[in-house]
Every structure is written in structure tokens, then in C-alpha cells.
Protein backbone atom coordinates (compact mmCIF):
# COMPACT_ATOMS: atom_id res chain seq x y z
CA THR A 1 4.32 20.89 33.90
CA SER A 2 7.07 18.34 34.02
CA PHE A 3 6.97 14.69 32.34
CA ALA A 4 6.30 13.10 35.67
CA ALA A 5 3.44 15.24 36.42
CA GLN A 6 1.97 14.78 32.75
CA ALA A 7 2.16 10.93 33.18
CA GLN A 8 0.53 11.11 36.64
CA SER A 9 -2.45 12.93 35.31
CA GLY A 10 -2.78 10.27 32.33
CA TRP A 11 -2.34 12.76 29.47
CA GLY A 12 -6.01 13.59 29.44
CA ASP A 13 -9.34 11.64 28.59
CA GLY A 14 -9.05 8.41 26.40
CA ASP A 15 -5.25 7.85 26.88
CA GLU A 16 -5.48 4.78 28.96
CA ARG A 17 -5.58 2.12 26.25
CA PRO A 18 -2.58 0.00 25.40
CA ASP A 19 -2.25 1.14 21.93
CA MET A 20 1.10 2.51 21.63
CA ILE A 21 2.05 -0.03 18.92
CA GLU A 22 -0.34 -1.67 16.36
CA LEU A 23 0.41 -4.58 14.18
CA SER A 24 -2.13 -4.93 11.25
CA LEU A 25 -2.35 -7.63 8.70
CA PHE A 26 -4.36 -6.86 5.76
CA GLY A 27 -5.61 -8.40 2.59
CA GLY A 28 -7.33 -6.81 -0.43
CA GLY A 29 -7.18 -5.81 -4.00
CA SER A 30 -5.22 -3.67 -6.24
CA PHE A 31 -7.04 -1.85 -8.97
CA PHE A 32 -5.40 0.00 -11.83
CA LYS A 33 -6.88 2.57 -14.29
CA SER A 34 -6.35 1.78 -17.79
CA VAL A 35 -3.69 3.79 -19.73
CA SER A 36 -5.58 6.30 -22.32
CA SER A 37 -2.75 6.57 -24.62
CA GLY A 38 0.53 5.15 -25.82
CA LEU A 39 0.92 1.35 -26.54
CA GLY A 40 -1.99 0.11 -24.31
CA THR A 41 0.34 -1.09 -21.46
CA GLU A 42 -1.54 -1.55 -18.33
CA HIS A 43 -1.40 -3.57 -14.96
CA VAL A 44 -4.27 -6.01 -14.35
CA SER A 45 -6.17 -5.85 -11.22
CA GLY A 46 -5.15 -8.47 -8.78
CA GLY A 47 -5.05 -9.48 -4.93
CA ALA A 48 -2.95 -7.80 -2.29
CA ALA A 49 -1.77 -8.63 1.28
CA GLY A 50 0.44 -7.08 3.77
CA ILE A 51 1.53 -5.82 6.98
CA ARG A 52 1.55 -2.48 8.81
CA VAL A 53 3.27 -1.19 12.04
CA THR A 54 1.85 1.82 13.53
CA GLU A 55 3.57 3.78 16.40
CA ASN A 56 1.20 6.12 18.20
CA PHE A 57 3.90 8.29 19.72
CA TRP A 58 1.57 11.26 19.90
CA LYS A 59 -1.99 11.84 21.07
CA TYR A 60 -3.39 12.65 17.51
CA VAL A 61 -0.48 11.60 15.14
CA SER A 62 1.11 8.36 14.38
CA LEU A 63 3.78 6.95 12.19
CA GLU A 64 3.07 4.05 9.87
CA GLN A 65 5.33 1.60 8.06
CA GLY A 66 3.87 -0.92 5.77
CA PHE A 67 4.54 -3.55 3.28
CA THR A 68 2.30 -4.76 0.48
CA TYR A 69 2.81 -7.77 -1.71
CA SER A 70 0.26 -7.92 -4.84
CA ALA A 71 0.18 -9.93 -7.95
CA ASN A 72 -0.76 -7.63 -10.81
CA ASN A 73 0.10 -8.93 -14.20
CA VAL A 74 1.33 -6.35 -16.97
CA ARG A 75 -0.77 -6.54 -20.32
CA PHE A 76 0.55 -5.19 -23.54
CA GLY A 77 -1.96 -4.35 -26.14
CA LEU A 78 -2.21 -2.49 -29.45
CA PRO A 79 -4.06 0.58 -29.78
CA THR A 80 -5.49 -0.26 -33.00
CA ALA A 81 -6.37 -3.99 -32.46
CA PRO A 82 -8.13 -6.09 -29.79
CA ASN A 83 -5.07 -8.37 -29.38
CA THR A 84 -3.10 -8.32 -25.91
CA VAL A 85 -0.70 -10.42 -24.22
CA ALA A 86 -0.36 -10.48 -20.34
CA PHE A 87 2.94 -11.09 -18.51
CA GLY A 88 3.44 -12.34 -14.96
CA ASN A 89 4.13 -9.44 -12.56
CA ARG A 90 4.58 -8.95 -8.90
CA ILE A 91 4.65 -5.54 -7.06
CA TYR A 92 6.30 -4.88 -3.77
CA GLN A 93 5.36 -1.81 -2.13
CA TRP A 94 6.91 -0.17 1.09
CA ASN A 95 5.18 2.94 2.64
CA LEU A 96 6.10 5.34 5.16
CA ASN A 97 2.98 7.73 6.37
CA PRO A 98 2.09 10.01 9.22
CA VAL A 99 -1.48 9.05 10.33
CA PHE A 100 -3.79 11.99 11.59
CA HIS A 101 -6.43 10.81 13.98
CA PHE A 102 -9.57 12.69 14.85
CA THR A 103 -9.96 11.41 18.46
CA PRO A 104 -6.97 10.96 20.79
CA ARG A 105 -4.77 7.94 21.38
CA GLY A 106 -6.87 5.36 23.56
CA SER A 107 -10.31 6.20 22.25
CA LYS A 108 -12.40 3.09 21.16
CA ILE A 109 -13.23 4.74 17.75
CA ARG A 110 -10.58 6.40 15.84
CA PRO A 111 -11.28 8.13 12.57
CA TYR A 112 -8.09 8.95 10.40
CA LEU A 113 -6.64 10.22 7.29
CA THR A 114 -3.15 9.52 5.97
CA ALA A 115 -0.70 10.34 3.12
CA GLY A 116 2.87 9.26 2.49
CA LEU A 117 5.49 8.18 0.20
CA SER A 118 6.09 4.55 -1.08
CA ALA A 119 8.59 2.80 -2.94
CA MET A 120 7.15 0.38 -5.42
CA ASN A 121 9.11 -2.53 -7.05
CA TYR A 122 7.48 -3.67 -10.16
CA ASN A 123 8.88 -7.22 -10.54
CA PRO A 124 8.12 -9.37 -13.65
CA THR A 125 8.50 -13.15 -13.32
CA ASP A 126 11.50 -14.99 -14.94
CA THR A 127 9.06 -16.43 -17.47
CA ALA A 128 7.37 -13.16 -18.20
CA GLU A 129 10.97 -11.57 -19.02
CA GLY A 130 11.68 -14.44 -21.36
CA LEU A 131 8.23 -14.30 -23.07
CA ALA A 132 8.60 -10.44 -23.39
CA ASN A 133 11.96 -11.00 -25.41
CA ILE A 134 10.51 -13.46 -28.02
CA PRO A 135 11.01 -11.72 -31.38
CA GLU A 136 7.25 -11.93 -32.18
CA ASN A 137 6.23 -10.19 -28.91
CA VAL A 138 8.99 -7.64 -29.32
CA ALA A 139 7.74 -6.91 -32.74
CA LEU A 140 4.11 -6.81 -32.24
CA TYR A 141 3.78 -5.43 -28.44
CA LYS A 142 7.23 -3.74 -28.16
CA SER A 143 7.82 -5.65 -25.18
CA ARG A 144 11.76 -5.80 -25.08
CA GLY A 145 13.27 -4.67 -21.76
CA LEU A 146 10.49 -5.89 -19.30
CA SER A 147 12.39 -6.02 -16.15
CA ASP A 148 12.39 -4.94 -12.41
CA ASN A 149 11.38 -1.29 -12.23
CA LEU A 150 11.80 0.59 -8.71
CA GLN A 151 9.35 3.64 -8.53
CA VAL A 152 8.63 6.32 -6.06
CA ALA A 153 4.91 6.68 -5.45
CA MET A 154 2.61 8.58 -3.22
CA ASN A 155 -0.14 6.91 -1.29
CA PHE A 156 -3.25 8.18 0.70
CA GLY A 157 -6.25 7.10 2.32
CA GLY A 158 -8.48 7.29 5.50
CA GLY A 159 -10.90 5.23 7.49
CA VAL A 160 -11.95 4.24 10.78
CA LYS A 161 -10.16 2.17 13.73
CA TRP A 162 -12.41 0.23 15.94
CA HIS A 163 -11.05 -1.30 19.19
CA LEU A 164 -12.95 -4.29 19.79
CA THR A 165 -10.93 -5.13 22.96
CA ASP A 166 -7.64 -3.79 24.42
CA HIS A 167 -5.65 -5.97 22.01
CA PHE A 168 -7.86 -6.41 18.88
CA GLY A 169 -9.42 -4.23 16.41
CA LEU A 170 -10.90 -3.56 13.06
CA ARG A 171 -9.59 -0.98 10.40
């Protein structure tokens, strides 16, 4: 059938909601697992906030871009001693994900799964970079060279989107 004929037919049940573009603000936490070997370097769990834009181009598949800011200090420790030192650190994360829904666009309830790629910039504060290069810290914790570090990462998740009204929902 032609595009015009499909548009007149409404694309099927559940496709009448105005959810072609979703804008989501979110907050939460970033939780890191401890490193089991090496010098004992780890990121400390902390708060996170961000924004997501989702384009629902297809009935069951969307494309989502996101940005997350989190404050997760980096902790250096000694494997043989309880001594640790933490340096201020911020993480900036950009995501690009396909989102696979189990119900069609326009449904009030939309369970979903997602997985995608991220660029994560680990960004120590200026104060942290200065403290990491103090000779005592370098000698004890091997902290020399603490600086920005851009890494490729994978992200994944799932959940349920619930349209409370035509313009507001929970995720």
C-alpha cells in the first residue's frame, strides 16, 4: 500500500498517541564495583543526573541519545594496607542506543530493552590533579598522571514506560 493509504489507516492499533519524540530528565546514582586486583583504584559511588531524547521513528524500535553527569571520586588504595586517598572526579557520559519495545508506539504501557555505545569522559577536578602529583601521594599511591580519560563503553538496560497523559509519563 502507499504511504498515504497507511497514514489514513492509522498504522494499526495503539499508534494515535503523540509520542514521536520523548524528552526525559532523570536522576539517580552511579554504583561501581571494587577492583579485585592491582593498586586498588576504584570509583566511589555517587549521584547522577541527565537528559535523554528518544525518537520513536518505528512502531517497536526507537533511537535514543543521552547525556549523564555524575560525581564519582576516584579512590587510590594500597592492597596491603587500609590507607586510601580519594580525589575529586566527574564523569560525563554520552549514549547512543536503539530501544526495543514490546508494545507498539502509542501504547499506554511500553516495556522495553536497550543496549548501546557510550563515550565516557573521566574528568578529575583541578584540585585533584594537583593533589595526585604531590610527591608523597605519587610515592605511596602511584597517583601520577591523574588526568582526563575518554573511554568507549557499553550500556544496557530495560524497564517500563507508562504514559500518564498524552504529554507526561514515568519511566
